[in-house]
Protein backbone atom coordinates (compact mmCIF):
# COMPACT_ATOMS: atom_id res chain seq x y z
CA UNK A 1 96.26 128.10 132.03
CA UNK A 2 97.64 124.67 131.21
CA UNK A 3 100.45 124.46 128.69
CA UNK A 4 100.28 121.66 126.15
CA UNK A 5 102.84 119.97 123.93
CA UNK A 6 101.34 118.73 120.67
CA UNK A 7 103.25 115.74 119.32
CA UNK A 8 102.54 114.40 115.86
CA UNK A 9 102.42 110.62 116.04
CA UNK A 10 103.94 109.52 112.73
CA UNK A 11 107.40 110.99 112.33
CA UNK A 12 107.72 112.46 115.85
CA UNK A 13 106.70 109.64 118.20
CA UNK A 14 107.24 106.75 115.81
CA UNK A 15 109.12 106.27 112.58
CA UNK A 16 106.71 106.91 109.74
CA UNK A 17 106.57 103.69 107.74
CA UNK A 18 103.34 104.88 106.03
CA UNK A 19 99.95 103.84 107.38
CA UNK A 20 101.29 102.39 110.64
CA UNK A 21 98.31 100.69 112.26
CA UNK A 22 99.65 97.78 114.32
CA UNK A 23 102.40 97.03 116.83
CA UNK A 24 104.37 94.98 114.30
CA UNK A 25 104.97 98.08 112.15
CA UNK A 26 105.31 100.58 115.00
CA UNK A 27 108.86 101.69 115.81
CA UNK A 28 109.45 104.31 118.51
CA UNK A 29 111.69 107.25 117.67
CA UNK A 30 114.70 106.75 119.99
CA UNK A 31 114.40 108.90 123.11
CA UNK A 32 110.79 109.96 122.59
CA UNK A 33 109.50 108.66 125.93
CA UNK A 34 112.38 110.38 127.71
CA UNK A 35 111.52 113.61 125.88
CA UNK A 36 107.86 113.19 126.86
CA UNK A 37 109.01 112.83 130.48
CA UNK A 38 110.91 116.13 130.26
CA UNK A 39 107.85 117.89 128.85
CA UNK A 40 105.54 116.37 131.46
CA UNK A 41 107.89 117.24 134.33
CA UNK A 42 108.00 120.82 132.99
CA UNK A 43 104.22 121.01 133.37
CA UNK A 44 103.05 120.31 129.83
CA UNK A 45 99.93 118.30 129.02
CA UNK A 46 100.86 115.74 126.36
CA UNK A 47 98.63 115.69 123.29
CA UNK A 48 99.27 113.27 120.43
CA UNK A 49 97.84 114.46 117.12
CA UNK A 50 97.56 112.17 114.15
CA UNK A 51 95.99 112.10 110.72
CA UNK A 52 94.63 108.64 110.05
CA UNK A 53 93.66 108.84 106.39
CA UNK A 54 94.41 105.11 106.11
CA UNK A 55 91.08 104.47 107.83
CA UNK A 56 89.17 106.47 105.24
CA UNK A 57 91.09 104.80 102.45
CA UNK A 58 90.20 101.36 103.79
CA UNK A 59 93.79 100.30 104.55
CA UNK A 60 92.86 99.48 108.15
CA UNK A 61 89.92 99.87 110.52
CA UNK A 62 89.10 102.22 113.34
CA UNK A 63 89.43 99.20 115.62
CA UNK A 64 93.00 98.62 114.38
CA UNK A 65 93.83 102.25 115.12
CA UNK A 66 92.25 102.04 118.58
CA UNK A 67 94.18 98.86 119.46
CA UNK A 68 97.46 100.57 118.56
CA UNK A 69 96.44 103.70 120.48
CA UNK A 70 95.59 101.62 123.55
CA UNK A 71 98.94 99.85 123.31
CA UNK A 72 100.73 103.21 123.04
CA UNK A 73 98.92 104.42 126.16
CA UNK A 74 100.07 101.31 128.01
CA UNK A 75 103.66 101.98 126.92
CA UNK A 76 103.43 105.54 128.26
CA UNK A 77 102.14 104.05 131.54
CA UNK A 78 105.05 101.57 131.64
CA UNK A 79 107.35 104.58 131.37
CA UNK A 80 105.50 106.09 134.39
CA UNK A 81 103.91 108.79 132.22
CA UNK A 82 100.25 109.76 132.15
CA UNK A 83 98.26 108.69 129.13
CA UNK A 84 98.41 111.49 126.58
CA UNK A 85 95.27 112.88 125.01
CA UNK A 86 94.92 111.61 121.44
CA UNK A 87 93.40 113.79 118.72
CA UNK A 88 92.94 112.14 115.36
CA UNK A 89 91.57 113.15 111.99
CA UNK A 90 89.94 110.12 110.41
CA UNK A 91 88.17 111.77 107.48
CA UNK A 92 88.71 110.37 103.99
CA UNK A 93 91.68 112.08 102.35
CA UNK A 94 91.25 115.20 104.46
CA UNK A 95 94.77 116.08 105.50
CA UNK A 96 93.99 118.88 107.97
CA UNK A 97 92.35 119.19 111.33
CA UNK A 98 89.33 121.43 111.56
CA UNK A 99 90.01 124.87 113.09
CA UNK A 100 90.12 124.67 116.87
CA UNK A 101 90.66 120.90 117.05
CA UNK A 102 94.03 121.27 118.77
CA UNK A 103 92.63 123.59 121.42
CA UNK A 104 89.66 121.30 121.99
CA UNK A 105 91.99 118.32 122.43
CA UNK A 106 94.11 120.15 124.98
CA UNK A 107 91.05 121.19 126.98
CA UNK A 108 89.23 117.86 126.76
CA UNK A 109 89.31 115.39 129.64
CA UNK A 110 88.18 112.76 127.11
CA UNK A 111 91.04 110.49 126.07
CA UNK A 112 90.49 108.68 122.76
């Protein structure tokens, strides 16, 4: 069985400046890539979970979110880390993942 570390994006990976959707507003939490390295070296699959209600509210587009996600993946690669699996909830004003979404993300080879 593979162990997984679920990391919330806003507030754990980056400073939550509310509706962060581009590189200009993204600010890494100090030490987060080093912490991800420790988890990865300990055998954990890295899974980033994020609620993106800003998409449903029309503050930014799915394409904006995907561009930022792709950039984040490249930054993980620059730190010699594998690209984490990303699991996102993009439903209008729904603040919770559906039951089983975390398990599905950990088991999925599909990387958003």
